Protein backbone atom coordinates (compact mmCIF):
# COMPACT_ATOMS: atom_id res chain seq x y z
CA MET A 1 3.00 -5.62 25.11
CA PHE A 2 1.68 -9.09 25.24
CA ASP A 3 4.14 -12.19 26.46
CA LYS A 4 3.14 -14.64 23.45
CA ASN A 5 4.24 -11.78 20.96
CA GLN A 6 7.00 -10.48 22.85
CA ASP A 7 9.69 -12.27 20.90
CA SER A 8 8.25 -11.28 17.55
CA ILE A 9 7.89 -7.86 18.44
CA ALA A 10 11.50 -7.63 19.60
CA ASN A 11 12.51 -9.25 16.11
CA LEU A 12 10.47 -6.69 14.40
CA GLU A 13 12.02 -3.76 16.38
CA ALA A 14 15.72 -5.12 15.63
CA LYS A 15 14.67 -5.61 11.86
CA LEU A 16 13.25 -2.34 11.57
CA GLU A 17 16.52 -0.61 13.08
CA ILE A 18 18.48 -2.39 10.15
CA LEU A 19 16.03 -1.63 7.47
CA GLY A 20 15.89 2.00 8.61
CA LYS A 21 19.58 2.54 8.54
CA ASN A 22 20.01 0.82 5.07
CA LEU A 23 17.10 2.54 3.32
CA ILE A 24 18.71 6.03 4.68
CA SER A 25 22.08 4.83 3.40
CA ASP A 26 20.48 4.15 0.00
CA LEU A 27 18.65 7.66 -0.24
CA ASP A 28 21.91 9.11 0.45
CA ASP A 29 23.56 6.96 -2.15
CA ALA A 30 20.81 7.99 -4.72
CA ILE A 31 20.92 11.80 -3.97
CA ASP A 32 24.73 11.91 -4.39
CA LYS A 33 24.18 10.08 -7.69
CA ILE A 34 21.39 12.87 -8.78
CA LYS A 35 23.75 15.46 -7.81
CA ALA A 36 26.64 14.30 -9.63
CA GLU A 37 24.89 13.57 -13.05
CA HIS A 38 23.11 16.85 -12.80
CA ALA A 39 26.61 18.69 -11.97
CA ALA A 40 28.03 17.17 -14.94
CA LYS A 41 25.10 18.30 -17.22
CA GLY A 42 25.11 21.86 -15.52
CA ARG A 43 21.50 21.21 -14.25
CA LEU A 44 22.50 20.82 -10.57
CA LYS A 45 20.73 24.08 -9.58
CA SER A 46 17.42 23.38 -11.73
CA GLY A 47 14.21 22.20 -10.65
CA ALA A 48 14.78 18.81 -12.06
CA THR A 49 17.21 18.31 -9.38
CA ILE A 50 14.65 18.91 -6.58
CA LYS A 51 11.96 16.81 -8.48
CA ARG A 52 14.22 13.82 -8.83
CA VAL A 53 15.30 14.11 -5.00
CA MET A 54 11.53 14.40 -3.99
CA ARG A 55 10.80 11.38 -5.80
CA GLU A 56 13.53 9.16 -4.26
CA ILE A 57 12.49 10.44 -0.72
CA GLN A 58 8.82 9.36 -1.37
CA ASP A 59 9.97 6.25 -2.82
CA THR A 60 12.25 5.55 0.12
CA VAL A 61 9.25 6.11 2.95
CA SER A 62 7.01 4.03 0.47
CA ARG A 63 9.45 1.03 0.65
CA TRP A 64 9.91 1.63 4.45
CA TYR A 65 6.30 1.00 5.12
CA GLN A 66 6.10 -1.94 2.47
CA TYR A 67 9.16 -3.60 4.02
CA GLN A 68 7.63 -3.55 7.56
CA VAL A 69 4.46 -4.93 6.26
CA GLU A 70 6.55 -7.93 4.57
CA HIS A 71 8.66 -8.92 7.88
CA PHE A 72 5.43 -8.49 9.93
CA GLN A 73 3.94 -11.31 7.91
CA LYS A 74 6.98 -13.42 8.19
CA LEU A 75 6.75 -13.42 12.04
CA PRO A 76 4.61 -16.01 14.13
CA PHE A 77 2.34 -13.25 15.65
CA GLU A 78 -0.85 -14.34 17.41
CA TYR A 79 -3.95 -12.09 17.78
CA SER A 80 -4.19 -10.22 21.34
CA LYS A 81 -6.26 -7.57 21.94
CA GLY A 82 -4.32 -4.12 21.46
CA LEU A 83 -1.75 -5.94 19.06
CA GLU A 84 -2.60 -3.62 16.41
CA SER A 85 -2.02 -0.62 18.40
CA SER A 86 1.06 -1.98 19.96
CA ILE A 87 2.60 -2.65 16.25
CA PHE A 88 1.77 1.04 15.33
CA ASP A 89 3.41 2.44 18.55
CA LEU A 90 6.49 0.60 17.70
CA THR A 91 6.67 1.41 13.89
CA ASN A 92 5.44 5.06 14.50
CA GLY A 93 8.33 5.62 16.75
CA LYS A 94 10.77 4.20 14.03
CA THR A 95 9.18 6.10 11.16
CA GLU A 96 9.45 9.55 12.88
CA LYS A 97 13.34 9.06 12.48
CA ILE A 98 13.01 7.87 8.83
CA VAL A 99 10.82 11.13 8.23
CA LYS A 100 13.10 13.12 10.02
CA ASN A 101 16.23 12.04 7.93
CA ALA A 102 14.05 12.51 4.87
CA PHE A 103 13.21 15.81 5.48
CA SER A 104 16.65 16.77 6.30
CA ARG A 105 18.19 15.45 3.02
CA LEU A 106 15.44 17.58 1.28
CA ALA A 107 16.19 20.74 3.11
CA ASP A 108 19.87 20.14 2.23
CA VAL A 109 19.36 19.89 -1.36
CA THR A 110 17.18 22.88 -1.50
CA LYS A 111 20.20 24.80 0.18
CA LEU A 112 22.48 23.34 -2.33
CA ILE A 113 20.71 24.54 -5.33
CA GLY A 114 20.38 28.03 -3.62
CA GLN A 115 16.65 27.95 -3.06
CA ASP A 116 16.16 27.68 0.63
CA GLY A 117 12.64 28.88 0.48
CA LEU A 118 11.55 25.86 -2.05
CA TYR A 119 11.70 23.59 1.07
CA ASN A 120 8.55 25.39 2.37
CA ARG A 121 6.85 25.10 -0.85
CA VAL A 122 7.44 21.27 -1.45
CA VAL A 123 7.64 19.94 1.98
CA GLY A 124 3.63 19.83 2.03
CA ASP A 125 3.39 17.80 -1.01
CA VAL A 126 6.10 15.24 0.31
CA GLN A 127 4.31 15.03 3.41
CA THR A 128 1.04 14.20 1.67
CA GLU A 129 2.74 11.23 -0.22
CA PHE A 130 4.10 10.04 3.34
CA ASP A 131 0.49 10.31 5.07
CA GLN A 132 -0.64 8.15 1.83
CA SER A 133 2.03 5.43 2.29
CA LYS A 134 1.06 5.42 6.04
CA GLU A 135 -2.55 4.93 5.41
CA ARG A 136 -2.14 2.26 2.88
CA PHE A 137 0.59 0.58 5.45
CA GLU A 138 -2.04 0.77 8.42
CA ASN A 139 -4.78 -0.53 6.19
CA GLU A 140 -2.60 -3.55 5.50
CA ILE A 141 -1.66 -4.38 8.94
CA SER A 142 -5.06 -3.96 10.07
CA ALA A 143 -6.15 -6.60 7.61
CA ILE A 144 -3.47 -9.03 8.78
CA VAL A 145 -4.52 -8.58 12.53
CA ILE A 146 -8.13 -9.28 11.50
CA GLY A 147 -7.09 -12.35 9.79
CA LEU A 148 -5.27 -13.42 13.20
CA LYS A 149 -8.42 -12.55 15.22
CA ASN A 150 -10.79 -14.79 12.65
CA LYS A 151 -8.39 -17.49 12.79
CA GLN A 152 -8.33 -17.35 16.87
CA LYS A 153 -12.07 -17.44 17.07
CA LEU A 154 -12.21 -20.97 15.01
CA SER A 155 -13.23 -23.63 17.48
CA LYS A 156 -10.98 -26.67 17.95
CA GLY A 157 -12.86 -28.61 15.49
CA ASP A 158 -12.71 -26.13 12.81
CA LYS A 159 -8.77 -25.74 12.75
CA ALA A 160 -8.28 -28.94 11.00
CA SER A 161 -10.16 -27.69 8.24
CA LEU A 162 -8.40 -24.43 8.55
CA ALA A 163 -5.17 -25.98 8.24
CA MET A 164 -6.27 -27.59 5.09
CA GLU A 165 -7.58 -24.33 3.56
CA LYS A 166 -4.64 -22.34 4.73
CA GLY A 167 -2.49 -24.97 3.06
CA ASN A 168 -4.41 -24.36 -0.12
CA ILE A 169 -4.04 -20.67 0.08
CA MET A 170 -0.40 -20.76 0.68
CA ALA A 171 0.23 -23.04 -2.18
CA THR A 172 -1.72 -21.06 -4.50
CA ALA A 173 -0.06 -18.05 -3.35
CA SER A 174 3.69 -19.39 -3.38
CA LEU A 175 3.75 -20.18 -7.10
CA SER A 176 4.96 -16.59 -7.81
CA GLY A 177 1.30 -15.64 -8.31
CA LYS A 178 0.97 -17.70 -11.54
CA THR A 179 -1.66 -19.92 -10.33
CA THR A 180 -3.66 -17.08 -8.95
CA TRP A 181 -3.59 -15.05 -12.08
CA ASP A 182 -4.64 -18.33 -13.86
CA GLU A 183 -7.65 -18.49 -11.77
CA ILE A 184 -8.10 -14.62 -12.15
CA GLN A 185 -7.94 -15.18 -15.97
CA LYS A 186 -10.68 -17.88 -15.86
CA GLU A 187 -13.06 -15.72 -13.63
CA TYR A 188 -12.43 -12.25 -15.21
CA ASP A 189 -11.11 -13.06 -18.70
CA ILE A 190 -7.87 -10.68 -18.42
CA SER A 191 -4.49 -12.23 -18.10
CA LYS A 192 -1.83 -10.85 -15.79
CA ARG A 193 0.01 -9.70 -19.29
CA ALA A 194 -3.06 -7.88 -20.49
CA PHE A 195 -3.78 -6.30 -17.03
CA GLY A 196 -0.20 -4.83 -16.97
CA LYS A 197 -0.54 -3.22 -20.46
CA ARG A 198 -3.93 -1.68 -19.00
CA ILE A 199 -1.92 -0.17 -16.35
CA ASN A 200 1.27 1.09 -18.42
CA PHE A 201 0.94 4.23 -16.64
CA VAL A 202 2.47 2.59 -13.57
CA THR A 203 6.33 2.69 -14.77
CA ASP A 204 7.71 2.27 -11.30
CA MET A 205 8.73 -1.51 -11.21
CA PHE A 206 8.56 -1.58 -7.47
CA LYS A 207 4.95 -0.18 -7.57
CA ARG A 208 3.71 -2.36 -10.21
CA LYS A 209 5.23 -5.40 -8.04
CA ILE A 210 3.14 -4.49 -5.44
CA ILE A 211 0.01 -3.73 -7.10
CA PHE A 212 0.19 -7.34 -8.90
CA ARG A 213 0.85 -8.93 -5.46
CA ASP A 214 -2.00 -7.20 -3.69
CA ILE A 215 -4.41 -8.09 -6.30
CA GLU A 216 -3.55 -11.74 -5.97
CA HIS A 217 -3.96 -11.38 -2.28
CA SER A 218 -7.13 -9.70 -2.37
CA TYR A 219 -8.33 -12.28 -4.90
CA ILE A 220 -7.18 -15.56 -2.72
CA LEU A 221 -8.66 -13.64 0.35
CA ALA A 222 -12.13 -12.97 -1.09
CA ASN A 223 -12.39 -16.46 -2.39
CA TYR A 224 -11.61 -18.04 0.90
CA GLY A 225 -14.02 -15.98 2.90
CA TYR A 226 -11.70 -13.38 4.35
CA SER A 227 -14.04 -10.57 3.13
CA LYS A 228 -12.82 -7.86 5.12
CA PRO A 229 -9.27 -7.77 4.62
CA ALA A 230 -10.00 -8.58 0.58
CA VAL A 231 -12.02 -5.30 0.48
CA ILE A 232 -9.08 -3.46 2.09
CA LEU A 233 -6.48 -4.39 -0.15
CA ALA A 234 -8.93 -4.11 -2.98
CA GLY A 235 -9.72 -0.48 -2.02
CA SER A 236 -6.07 0.27 -1.49
CA VAL A 237 -5.08 -1.17 -5.09
CA ILE A 238 -7.93 0.97 -6.75
CA GLU A 239 -6.91 4.19 -4.62
CA GLU A 240 -3.47 3.77 -5.82
CA LEU A 241 -4.25 3.19 -9.40
CA LEU A 242 -6.44 6.13 -9.54
CA ARG A 243 -3.71 8.36 -7.85
CA LEU A 244 -1.51 7.32 -10.30
CA TYR A 245 -3.54 7.57 -13.46
CA LEU A 246 -4.34 11.20 -12.69
CA ASN A 247 -0.95 12.00 -11.91
CA TYR A 248 -0.14 10.37 -15.64
CA LYS A 249 -2.94 12.53 -17.19
CA GLY A 250 -1.40 15.57 -15.60
CA ILE A 251 -4.87 16.19 -13.47
CA LYS A 252 -4.51 17.48 -9.94
CA PRO A 253 -7.39 16.36 -7.60
CA THR A 254 -8.59 19.00 -5.11
CA LYS A 255 -7.20 16.90 -2.31
CA LYS A 256 -5.13 13.82 -2.08
CA ASN A 257 -7.49 11.39 -0.87
CA PHE A 258 -9.69 8.57 -2.47
CA ASN A 259 -12.80 10.53 -2.71
CA SER A 260 -11.05 13.31 -4.45
CA TYR A 261 -9.37 10.92 -6.84
CA ILE A 262 -12.72 9.52 -7.82
CA GLN A 263 -14.44 13.03 -8.26
CA ALA A 264 -11.46 14.35 -10.52
CA CYS A 265 -12.00 11.01 -12.59
CA GLU A 266 -15.48 11.92 -13.03
CA ASN A 267 -15.22 15.58 -13.69
CA ASN A 268 -12.58 14.80 -16.42
CA GLY A 269 -14.56 12.15 -17.86
CA LEU A 270 -11.93 9.58 -17.37
CA LEU A 271 -14.11 6.90 -15.95
CA LYS A 272 -17.67 5.95 -16.75
CA THR A 273 -20.10 7.07 -14.19
CA GLY A 274 -21.48 3.35 -13.21
CA ILE A 275 -17.47 2.48 -12.89
CA SER A 276 -16.89 5.61 -10.45
CA ARG A 277 -19.73 4.22 -8.33
CA LEU A 278 -18.01 0.78 -7.99
CA SER A 279 -14.79 3.04 -6.87
CA ASP A 280 -17.01 4.61 -4.48
CA SER A 281 -18.54 1.52 -3.06
CA VAL A 282 -15.11 0.24 -2.31
CA ARG A 283 -13.99 3.64 -0.66
CA HIS A 284 -17.05 3.08 1.72
CA PHE A 285 -16.52 -0.24 2.80
CA ARG A 286 -12.75 0.09 2.94
CA ASN A 287 -13.27 2.87 5.66
CA ILE A 288 -14.73 0.09 7.79
CA VAL A 289 -11.44 -1.04 8.93
CA HIS A 290 -10.98 -0.74 12.52
CA LEU A 291 -12.61 -3.51 14.55
CA GLU A 292 -14.70 -0.94 16.63
CA LYS A 293 -16.32 0.29 13.60
CA GLU A 294 -17.91 -3.10 12.95
CA ILE A 295 -20.58 -2.72 15.35
CA SER A 296 -22.96 -5.71 14.19
CA SER A 297 -23.44 -8.27 11.44
CA GLN A 298 -25.19 -5.48 9.21
CA THR A 299 -22.00 -3.69 8.90
CA SER A 300 -19.82 -6.49 8.26
CA ILE A 301 -18.50 -7.08 4.86
CA LYS A 302 -20.10 -10.23 3.29
CA LYS A 303 -18.25 -12.47 0.60
CA VAL A 304 -20.36 -11.06 -2.12
CA THR A 305 -19.06 -7.73 -1.46
CA ALA A 306 -15.46 -8.72 -1.19
CA LYS A 307 -15.79 -10.51 -4.66
CA GLY A 308 -17.35 -7.47 -5.96
CA ALA A 309 -14.59 -5.30 -4.68
CA VAL A 310 -11.95 -7.37 -6.51
CA THR A 311 -14.18 -7.40 -9.57
CA SER A 312 -13.89 -3.42 -9.59
CA ILE A 313 -10.18 -3.67 -9.97
CA PHE A 314 -10.53 -4.95 -13.49
CA THR A 315 -13.69 -3.35 -14.25
CA ILE A 316 -11.96 -0.08 -13.44
CA ALA A 317 -8.88 -1.01 -15.37
CA ASN A 318 -11.05 -1.55 -18.72
CA ASP A 319 -11.32 2.27 -18.63
CA PHE A 320 -7.64 3.34 -18.37
């Protein structure tokens, strides 16, 4: 732990404790509602019950990770060596409790519907979803920490210009995304509404909100020269869109990772080869996430690459 971040870390820990309890309480309410609905329709012991519960559990963990990012961004953290690992150590401990409670609810439901053995068959799929949510969370935290480090590296004379630039960024980001999407439309000739129609296979409103938000943030970061976090966010958006699109098409990739999603799209003719290469490039650069992997200026991500990663989101969306 680092003294200058001690208060923020304590604040984060306290907030996560409350969030964890609220999320599990909400999950219990949702499961009770599902059981009541299915019991009334005589479907309590059907496969539909376990599918609904699995979806609620997966959404709960996804929200858990997203809430952590949102609260982390609200706190006045300063960059220090080991900040990233300190945050992960804290959140991993809290996450273990959430996951343990989630799996306990899943086991209870499989027993309730009289299919105890079903738990062992579905737990792997649920864990995979958890792992993907964790990866997206770690990428976002890494991007934020990189931004803090870049800010700290600025000389004293540069800080005034940074303050003006930051003011411009925050002003752009604070207008409910409208100003940002106006700029996106000018540059990429696609409105927020048109993009929303392209991704109509994303029916979960929470996920749609996160996708729109991350596109806005990656666009802003790329334009202001924060290339690495921009590519991380753009890559995460593309990965999630490909995953959801494959699910919508009823296609199961060989593995649940970015590379397999790209391969599955290519094999099934869902994306043009050139567009698949764009996805592949974003995956390659997004893998240079941790600071120790950026070993030279040749492996550092340039602004043109960040802009290209954002462009890839809209290019790929044209094939959905």
